[in-house]
């Protein structure tokens, strides 16, 4: 079935690690988004995702995304069943680890900060 987009399914297993900013996940839950593989549609979620993306006040933004999470949980859009735990270890001969900043997926934000002691 090469090249064919399957749309008739009861369950799909997938995984996403897109960082800490909730706006990155908008493409998964916005109505009609190209990455909304579940075809989820909720006008209130769409509205809140737009508001959250444009809100500069961190407290208000947090409240908006909390409501989004509550709606997604109520609608049971996803069922998270696993989260991988990454263990990062460095030999003592390397420094600058604290300035390299640990991040999801890429592990370190800035490898140029690592140096041989």
C-alpha atoms as a PDB file:
ATOM      1  CA  UNK A   1       0.000   0.000   0.000  1.00  0.00           C
ATOM      2  CA  UNK A   2       2.884   2.315  -0.716  1.00  0.00           C
ATOM      3  CA  UNK A   3       1.893   5.949  -1.072  1.00  0.00           C
ATOM      4  CA  UNK A   4      -1.576   5.354   0.356  1.00  0.00           C
ATOM      5  CA  UNK A   5      -2.734   7.266   3.440  1.00  0.00           C
ATOM      6  CA  UNK A   6      -4.580   4.906   5.770  1.00  0.00           C
ATOM      7  CA  UNK A   7      -7.512   6.581   7.537  1.00  0.00           C
ATOM      8  CA  UNK A   8      -9.641   3.650   8.694  1.00  0.00           C
ATOM      9  CA  UNK A   9      -8.319   2.553  12.076  1.00  0.00           C
ATOM     10  CA  UNK A  10      -9.423   2.049  15.663  1.00  0.00           C
ATOM     11  CA  UNK A  11      -6.069   2.654  17.290  1.00  0.00           C
ATOM     12  CA  UNK A  12      -2.758   4.185  16.318  1.00  0.00           C
ATOM     13  CA  UNK A  13       0.513   4.129  18.230  1.00  0.00           C
ATOM     14  CA  UNK A  14       2.821   7.094  17.862  1.00  0.00           C
ATOM     15  CA  UNK A  15       5.258   9.181  19.786  1.00  0.00           C
ATOM     16  CA  UNK A  16       6.237  12.808  19.860  1.00  0.00           C
ATOM     17  CA  UNK A  17       8.872  14.675  21.806  1.00  0.00           C
ATOM     18  CA  UNK A  18       8.752  18.268  20.716  1.00  0.00           C
ATOM     19  CA  UNK A  19      10.211  20.202  23.626  1.00  0.00           C
ATOM     20  CA  UNK A  20       8.721  22.118  26.498  1.00  0.00           C
ATOM     21  CA  UNK A  21       6.707  24.811  24.705  1.00  0.00           C
ATOM     22  CA  UNK A  22       3.082  23.647  24.390  1.00  0.00           C
ATOM     23  CA  UNK A  23       2.647  25.627  21.150  1.00  0.00           C
ATOM     24  CA  UNK A  24       4.786  23.019  19.373  1.00  0.00           C
ATOM     25  CA  UNK A  25       1.979  20.500  19.881  1.00  0.00           C
ATOM     26  CA  UNK A  26      -0.624  22.677  18.158  1.00  0.00           C
ATOM     27  CA  UNK A  27       0.011  20.869  14.865  1.00  0.00           C
ATOM     28  CA  UNK A  28      -1.170  17.611  16.460  1.00  0.00           C
ATOM     29  CA  UNK A  29      -4.520  18.865  17.795  1.00  0.00           C
ATOM     30  CA  UNK A  30      -5.689  21.801  15.668  1.00  0.00           C
ATOM     31  CA  UNK A  31      -8.629  21.034  13.406  1.00  0.00           C
ATOM     32  CA  UNK A  32      -7.411  20.370   9.864  1.00  0.00           C
ATOM     33  CA  UNK A  33      -3.701  20.519  10.715  1.00  0.00           C
ATOM     34  CA  UNK A  34      -1.508  18.405   8.434  1.00  0.00           C
ATOM     35  CA  UNK A  35      -0.097  16.559  11.468  1.00  0.00           C
ATOM     36  CA  UNK A  36      -3.480  15.983  13.151  1.00  0.00           C
ATOM     37  CA  UNK A  37      -3.440  12.280  12.258  1.00  0.00           C
ATOM     38  CA  UNK A  38      -6.315  11.443  14.596  1.00  0.00           C
ATOM     39  CA  UNK A  39      -8.543  14.016  12.846  1.00  0.00           C
ATOM     40  CA  UNK A  40      -9.373  15.465  16.259  1.00  0.00           C
ATOM     41  CA  UNK A  41     -11.601  18.525  16.118  1.00  0.00           C
ATOM     42  CA  UNK A  42     -12.733  20.728  18.996  1.00  0.00           C
ATOM     43  CA  UNK A  43     -13.504  24.391  18.312  1.00  0.00           C
ATOM     44  CA  UNK A  44     -12.759  25.397  21.914  1.00  0.00           C
ATOM     45  CA  UNK A  45      -9.342  23.705  21.782  1.00  0.00           C
ATOM     46  CA  UNK A  46      -8.618  25.400  18.430  1.00  0.00           C
ATOM     47  CA  UNK A  47      -9.493  28.791  19.948  1.00  0.00           C
ATOM     48  CA  UNK A  48      -7.398  28.202  23.076  1.00  0.00           C
ATOM     49  CA  UNK A  49      -4.390  26.989  21.077  1.00  0.00           C
ATOM     50  CA  UNK A  50      -4.502  30.194  19.020  1.00  0.00           C
ATOM     51  CA  UNK A  51      -4.800  32.305  22.180  1.00  0.00           C
ATOM     52  CA  UNK A  52      -1.927  30.470  23.870  1.00  0.00           C
ATOM     53  CA  UNK A  53       0.349  30.945  20.878  1.00  0.00           C
ATOM     54  CA  UNK A  54      -0.174  34.709  20.991  1.00  0.00           C
ATOM     55  CA  UNK A  55      -0.157  35.259  24.761  1.00  0.00           C
ATOM     56  CA  UNK A  56       2.992  36.892  26.165  1.00  0.00           C
ATOM     57  CA  UNK A  57       1.956  36.864  29.838  1.00  0.00           C
ATOM     58  CA  UNK A  58       3.361  33.561  31.164  1.00  0.00           C
ATOM     59  CA  UNK A  59       0.721  33.207  33.881  1.00  0.00           C
ATOM     60  CA  UNK A  60      -2.180  33.706  31.452  1.00  0.00           C
ATOM     61  CA  UNK A  61      -0.472  31.457  28.917  1.00  0.00           C
ATOM     62  CA  UNK A  62      -0.131  28.716  31.519  1.00  0.00           C
ATOM     63  CA  UNK A  63      -3.834  28.971  32.367  1.00  0.00           C
ATOM     64  CA  UNK A  64      -4.766  28.692  28.680  1.00  0.00           C
ATOM     65  CA  UNK A  65      -2.659  25.579  28.133  1.00  0.00           C
ATOM     66  CA  UNK A  66      -3.921  24.024  31.368  1.00  0.00           C
ATOM     67  CA  UNK A  67      -7.459  24.321  29.979  1.00  0.00           C
ATOM     68  CA  UNK A  68      -6.281  22.774  26.682  1.00  0.00           C
ATOM     69  CA  UNK A  69      -4.821  19.827  28.601  1.00  0.00           C
ATOM     70  CA  UNK A  70      -8.073  19.385  30.527  1.00  0.00           C
ATOM     71  CA  UNK A  71     -10.133  19.355  27.318  1.00  0.00           C
ATOM     72  CA  UNK A  72      -7.770  16.925  25.589  1.00  0.00           C
ATOM     73  CA  UNK A  73      -7.958  14.624  28.621  1.00  0.00           C
ATOM     74  CA  UNK A  74     -11.787  14.830  28.710  1.00  0.00           C
ATOM     75  CA  UNK A  75     -11.976  14.010  25.004  1.00  0.00           C
ATOM     76  CA  UNK A  76      -9.438  11.172  25.500  1.00  0.00           C
ATOM     77  CA  UNK A  77      -7.573  12.203  22.357  1.00  0.00           C
ATOM     78  CA  UNK A  78      -4.450  10.353  23.444  1.00  0.00           C
ATOM     79  CA  UNK A  79      -3.645   7.759  26.045  1.00  0.00           C
ATOM     80  CA  UNK A  80      -0.019   8.165  27.135  1.00  0.00           C
ATOM     81  CA  UNK A  81       1.322   4.867  28.370  1.00  0.00           C
ATOM     82  CA  UNK A  82       5.078   5.327  28.419  1.00  0.00           C
ATOM     83  CA  UNK A  83       7.711   7.989  28.755  1.00  0.00           C
ATOM     84  CA  UNK A  84      11.336   7.160  28.279  1.00  0.00           C
ATOM     85  CA  UNK A  85      13.823   8.230  30.910  1.00  0.00           C
ATOM     86  CA  UNK A  86      17.161   9.362  29.540  1.00  0.00           C
ATOM     87  CA  UNK A  87      20.313   9.005  31.584  1.00  0.00           C
ATOM     88  CA  UNK A  88      23.189  11.221  30.485  1.00  0.00           C
ATOM     89  CA  UNK A  89      26.683  10.546  31.815  1.00  0.00           C
ATOM     90  CA  UNK A  90      29.967  12.361  31.166  1.00  0.00           C
ATOM     91  CA  UNK A  91      33.522  11.499  32.010  1.00  0.00           C
ATOM     92  CA  UNK A  92      35.018  13.864  34.636  1.00  0.00           C
ATOM     93  CA  UNK A  93      37.568  15.038  32.075  1.00  0.00           C
ATOM     94  CA  UNK A  94      34.834  17.142  30.408  1.00  0.00           C
ATOM     95  CA  UNK A  95      33.499  20.449  31.684  1.00  0.00           C
ATOM     96  CA  UNK A  96      30.834  22.947  30.669  1.00  0.00           C
ATOM     97  CA  UNK A  97      27.992  20.445  30.977  1.00  0.00           C
ATOM     98  CA  UNK A  98      25.907  22.873  33.053  1.00  0.00           C
ATOM     99  CA  UNK A  99      26.239  25.563  30.359  1.00  0.00           C
ATOM    100  CA  UNK A 100      25.410  23.116  27.541  1.00  0.00           C
ATOM    101  CA  UNK A 101      21.821  22.852  28.930  1.00  0.00           C
ATOM    102  CA  UNK A 102      20.048  19.491  28.998  1.00  0.00           C
ATOM    103  CA  UNK A 103      17.092  19.292  26.573  1.00  0.00           C
ATOM    104  CA  UNK A 104      14.674  16.601  25.407  1.00  0.00           C
ATOM    105  CA  UNK A 105      15.476  14.729  22.175  1.00  0.00           C
ATOM    106  CA  UNK A 106      18.752  16.510  21.364  1.00  0.00           C
ATOM    107  CA  UNK A 107      20.073  15.907  24.919  1.00  0.00           C
ATOM    108  CA  UNK A 108      22.186  19.101  24.986  1.00  0.00           C
ATOM    109  CA  UNK A 109      21.202  22.496  23.624  1.00  0.00           C
ATOM    110  CA  UNK A 110      24.725  23.779  22.896  1.00  0.00           C
ATOM    111  CA  UNK A 111      27.526  21.230  22.420  1.00  0.00           C
ATOM    112  CA  UNK A 112      30.025  24.065  21.879  1.00  0.00           C
ATOM    113  CA  UNK A 113      30.002  24.646  25.650  1.00  0.00           C
ATOM    114  CA  UNK A 114      31.555  21.231  26.337  1.00  0.00           C
ATOM    115  CA  UNK A 115      35.332  21.231  26.659  1.00  0.00           C
ATOM    116  CA  UNK A 116      38.136  18.892  27.622  1.00  0.00           C
ATOM    117  CA  UNK A 117      39.578  19.890  30.999  1.00  0.00           C
END
